[in-house]
Amino acid sequence: MRVRMGVICGGVPVPGAALLGDVAAGGNVKSADVGQAKAKSGRTTDATNCRTDVTVNGVINSSDVGVIKSQSGTMLPPSSP
C-alpha cells in the first residue's frame, strides 16, 4: 500500500514463496533436506529447527522425514525479473 499525504494510493505486491520439505531454504527439496530431518529426528520443535517440523506437531520424527522424502525433487519456479 502506498500512502501519499495520508491518502492510500494503491497496493504493493509482496512476493513470497514456500516449498514443503525445503528445510534448508534452497528453493528445492533434495537429499540434504532429508538428511537434516533425520539428524534432528526425536527433538521437539524450537526456534532453531522449526522448518524441519513439516507436519507441524511440535516434534521432528519419521513423519517429517517421510513427507520431506515424498517432496524430493520438487522446486520453486524461477522468480520473475
N, C-alpha and C. Protein backbone atom coordinates (compact mmCIF):
# COMPACT_ATOMS: atom_id res chain seq x y z
N MET A 1 0.85 -1.16 0.00
CA MET A 1 0.00 0.00 0.00
C MET A 1 0.90 1.23 0.00
N ARG A 2 0.59 2.17 -0.86
CA ARG A 2 1.33 3.43 -0.89
C ARG A 2 0.49 4.50 -0.21
N VAL A 3 1.16 5.33 0.53
CA VAL A 3 0.46 6.43 1.19
C VAL A 3 1.10 7.73 0.74
N ARG A 4 0.29 8.64 0.25
CA ARG A 4 0.78 9.95 -0.16
C ARG A 4 -0.05 10.99 0.57
N MET A 5 0.62 11.76 1.38
CA MET A 5 -0.05 12.82 2.14
C MET A 5 -1.24 12.27 2.94
N GLY A 6 -1.05 11.06 3.49
CA GLY A 6 -2.09 10.47 4.31
C GLY A 6 -3.21 9.79 3.54
N VAL A 7 -3.09 9.71 2.20
CA VAL A 7 -4.12 9.09 1.37
C VAL A 7 -3.55 7.78 0.80
N ILE A 8 -4.31 6.72 0.89
CA ILE A 8 -3.90 5.43 0.33
C ILE A 8 -4.02 5.51 -1.18
N CYS A 9 -2.92 5.22 -1.89
CA CYS A 9 -2.89 5.36 -3.35
C CYS A 9 -2.93 4.05 -4.10
N GLY A 10 -2.61 2.94 -3.49
CA GLY A 10 -2.61 1.68 -4.24
C GLY A 10 -1.96 0.56 -3.46
N GLY A 11 -1.87 -0.58 -4.09
CA GLY A 11 -1.32 -1.76 -3.44
C GLY A 11 0.15 -1.96 -3.76
N VAL A 12 0.81 -2.67 -2.91
CA VAL A 12 2.21 -3.02 -3.10
C VAL A 12 2.29 -4.54 -3.06
N PRO A 13 2.75 -5.16 -4.15
CA PRO A 13 2.89 -6.62 -4.12
C PRO A 13 4.04 -7.04 -3.20
N VAL A 14 3.81 -8.07 -2.46
CA VAL A 14 4.83 -8.62 -1.57
C VAL A 14 5.04 -10.07 -1.99
N PRO A 15 6.09 -10.31 -2.77
CA PRO A 15 6.31 -11.69 -3.23
C PRO A 15 6.78 -12.59 -2.10
N GLY A 16 6.41 -13.82 -2.18
CA GLY A 16 6.83 -14.80 -1.19
C GLY A 16 6.62 -16.20 -1.73
N ALA A 17 7.38 -17.12 -1.21
CA ALA A 17 7.25 -18.49 -1.68
C ALA A 17 7.59 -19.45 -0.54
N ALA A 18 6.96 -20.58 -0.56
CA ALA A 18 7.26 -21.64 0.41
C ALA A 18 7.19 -22.97 -0.33
N LEU A 19 8.05 -23.87 0.05
CA LEU A 19 8.09 -25.18 -0.58
C LEU A 19 8.13 -26.24 0.51
N LEU A 20 7.09 -27.03 0.58
CA LEU A 20 7.01 -28.09 1.58
C LEU A 20 8.21 -29.02 1.46
N GLY A 21 8.93 -29.18 2.55
CA GLY A 21 10.08 -30.09 2.59
C GLY A 21 11.41 -29.42 2.37
N ASP A 22 11.41 -28.16 1.96
CA ASP A 22 12.66 -27.43 1.71
C ASP A 22 13.17 -26.85 3.03
N VAL A 23 13.66 -27.72 3.90
CA VAL A 23 14.07 -27.27 5.24
C VAL A 23 15.36 -26.46 5.22
N ALA A 24 16.16 -26.60 4.17
CA ALA A 24 17.41 -25.84 4.06
C ALA A 24 17.20 -24.51 3.33
N ALA A 25 15.97 -24.24 2.89
CA ALA A 25 15.60 -22.99 2.22
C ALA A 25 16.43 -22.74 0.96
N GLY A 26 16.68 -23.80 0.19
CA GLY A 26 17.46 -23.66 -1.03
C GLY A 26 16.62 -23.51 -2.29
N GLY A 27 15.31 -23.55 -2.14
CA GLY A 27 14.44 -23.43 -3.31
C GLY A 27 14.11 -24.76 -3.97
N ASN A 28 14.65 -25.84 -3.40
CA ASN A 28 14.34 -27.18 -3.90
C ASN A 28 14.45 -28.17 -2.75
N VAL A 29 13.87 -29.34 -2.94
CA VAL A 29 13.93 -30.38 -1.91
C VAL A 29 14.86 -31.47 -2.42
N LYS A 30 15.88 -31.77 -1.64
CA LYS A 30 16.86 -32.76 -2.06
C LYS A 30 17.32 -33.59 -0.86
N SER A 31 18.29 -34.44 -1.09
CA SER A 31 18.74 -35.35 -0.05
C SER A 31 19.27 -34.62 1.19
N ALA A 32 19.82 -33.44 1.02
CA ALA A 32 20.31 -32.68 2.17
C ALA A 32 19.16 -32.33 3.12
N ASP A 33 17.99 -32.05 2.58
CA ASP A 33 16.82 -31.75 3.41
C ASP A 33 16.39 -32.99 4.19
N VAL A 34 16.41 -34.13 3.53
CA VAL A 34 16.07 -35.39 4.20
C VAL A 34 17.09 -35.68 5.30
N GLY A 35 18.37 -35.49 4.99
CA GLY A 35 19.42 -35.73 5.97
C GLY A 35 19.31 -34.84 7.18
N GLN A 36 18.95 -33.59 6.95
CA GLN A 36 18.78 -32.65 8.07
C GLN A 36 17.64 -33.11 8.97
N ALA A 37 16.56 -33.57 8.37
CA ALA A 37 15.42 -34.05 9.16
C ALA A 37 15.80 -35.30 9.95
N LYS A 38 16.52 -36.20 9.31
CA LYS A 38 16.95 -37.42 10.02
C LYS A 38 17.86 -37.07 11.19
N ALA A 39 18.75 -36.12 11.00
CA ALA A 39 19.69 -35.73 12.06
C ALA A 39 18.98 -35.09 13.25
N LYS A 40 17.85 -34.44 12.98
CA LYS A 40 17.12 -33.76 14.06
C LYS A 40 15.95 -34.58 14.60
N SER A 41 15.76 -35.77 14.07
CA SER A 41 14.64 -36.60 14.49
C SER A 41 14.71 -36.90 15.99
N GLY A 42 13.57 -36.80 16.62
CA GLY A 42 13.47 -37.06 18.06
C GLY A 42 13.48 -35.78 18.89
N ARG A 43 13.77 -34.67 18.28
CA ARG A 43 13.82 -33.40 19.01
C ARG A 43 12.47 -32.70 18.97
N THR A 44 12.19 -31.96 20.01
CA THR A 44 11.00 -31.12 19.99
C THR A 44 11.33 -29.86 19.18
N THR A 45 10.29 -29.27 18.65
CA THR A 45 10.46 -28.10 17.79
C THR A 45 10.77 -26.87 18.62
N ASP A 46 11.76 -26.09 18.15
CA ASP A 46 12.09 -24.80 18.76
C ASP A 46 12.43 -23.82 17.64
N ALA A 47 12.90 -22.64 18.00
CA ALA A 47 13.18 -21.60 17.01
C ALA A 47 14.30 -21.99 16.05
N THR A 48 15.16 -22.92 16.44
CA THR A 48 16.30 -23.28 15.59
C THR A 48 15.99 -24.41 14.60
N ASN A 49 14.91 -25.14 14.80
CA ASN A 49 14.64 -26.29 13.94
C ASN A 49 13.19 -26.35 13.44
N CYS A 50 12.45 -25.28 13.60
CA CYS A 50 11.01 -25.32 13.28
C CYS A 50 10.74 -25.60 11.80
N ARG A 51 11.65 -25.24 10.90
CA ARG A 51 11.44 -25.53 9.47
C ARG A 51 11.41 -27.02 9.20
N THR A 52 12.06 -27.79 10.05
CA THR A 52 12.15 -29.24 9.85
C THR A 52 10.87 -29.96 10.28
N ASP A 53 10.07 -29.34 11.13
CA ASP A 53 8.82 -29.95 11.60
C ASP A 53 7.72 -29.67 10.57
N VAL A 54 7.80 -30.33 9.42
CA VAL A 54 6.86 -30.06 8.33
C VAL A 54 5.45 -30.55 8.63
N THR A 55 5.28 -31.46 9.58
CA THR A 55 3.95 -31.92 9.96
C THR A 55 3.34 -31.03 11.04
N VAL A 56 4.11 -30.10 11.54
CA VAL A 56 3.68 -29.08 12.50
C VAL A 56 2.98 -29.70 13.71
N ASN A 57 3.65 -30.70 14.31
CA ASN A 57 3.08 -31.32 15.51
C ASN A 57 3.96 -31.12 16.74
N GLY A 58 4.99 -30.30 16.62
CA GLY A 58 5.81 -29.98 17.78
C GLY A 58 7.00 -30.88 18.00
N VAL A 59 7.16 -31.89 17.15
CA VAL A 59 8.30 -32.80 17.28
C VAL A 59 8.76 -33.21 15.88
N ILE A 60 10.06 -33.38 15.72
CA ILE A 60 10.61 -33.85 14.45
C ILE A 60 10.75 -35.36 14.55
N ASN A 61 10.10 -36.07 13.62
CA ASN A 61 10.11 -37.53 13.69
C ASN A 61 10.03 -38.14 12.30
N SER A 62 9.80 -39.42 12.23
CA SER A 62 9.77 -40.13 10.95
C SER A 62 8.67 -39.62 10.03
N SER A 63 7.61 -39.07 10.57
CA SER A 63 6.56 -38.49 9.72
C SER A 63 7.10 -37.31 8.92
N ASP A 64 7.90 -36.48 9.58
CA ASP A 64 8.51 -35.34 8.89
C ASP A 64 9.48 -35.84 7.81
N VAL A 65 10.29 -36.82 8.15
CA VAL A 65 11.24 -37.38 7.18
C VAL A 65 10.48 -37.94 5.98
N GLY A 66 9.38 -38.64 6.22
CA GLY A 66 8.59 -39.21 5.14
C GLY A 66 8.00 -38.16 4.22
N VAL A 67 7.49 -37.08 4.79
CA VAL A 67 6.92 -36.00 3.98
C VAL A 67 8.02 -35.35 3.14
N ILE A 68 9.16 -35.10 3.75
CA ILE A 68 10.26 -34.48 3.03
C ILE A 68 10.73 -35.39 1.90
N LYS A 69 10.86 -36.68 2.17
CA LYS A 69 11.24 -37.64 1.12
C LYS A 69 10.24 -37.61 -0.03
N SER A 70 8.97 -37.53 0.30
CA SER A 70 7.94 -37.55 -0.75
C SER A 70 7.99 -36.30 -1.63
N GLN A 71 8.59 -35.23 -1.12
CA GLN A 71 8.70 -33.99 -1.88
C GLN A 71 10.04 -33.85 -2.61
N SER A 72 10.92 -34.83 -2.42
CA SER A 72 12.25 -34.77 -3.02
C SER A 72 12.16 -34.60 -4.54
N GLY A 73 12.94 -33.67 -5.05
CA GLY A 73 12.93 -33.39 -6.48
C GLY A 73 12.05 -32.22 -6.86
N THR A 74 11.23 -31.73 -5.95
CA THR A 74 10.39 -30.58 -6.26
C THR A 74 11.20 -29.29 -6.08
N MET A 75 10.76 -28.25 -6.75
CA MET A 75 11.46 -26.97 -6.64
C MET A 75 10.50 -25.82 -6.90
N LEU A 76 10.89 -24.65 -6.42
CA LEU A 76 10.12 -23.45 -6.69
C LEU A 76 10.33 -23.03 -8.13
N PRO A 77 9.34 -22.41 -8.74
CA PRO A 77 9.54 -21.90 -10.10
C PRO A 77 10.53 -20.73 -10.06
N PRO A 78 11.19 -20.45 -11.18
CA PRO A 78 12.12 -19.32 -11.19
C PRO A 78 11.39 -18.03 -10.89
N SER A 79 12.05 -17.14 -10.19
CA SER A 79 11.42 -15.85 -9.88
C SER A 79 11.46 -14.96 -11.11
N SER A 80 10.46 -14.14 -11.25
CA SER A 80 10.41 -13.25 -12.41
C SER A 80 11.30 -12.04 -12.16
N PRO A 81 11.85 -11.48 -13.22
CA PRO A 81 12.80 -10.34 -13.07
C PRO A 81 12.13 -9.10 -12.57
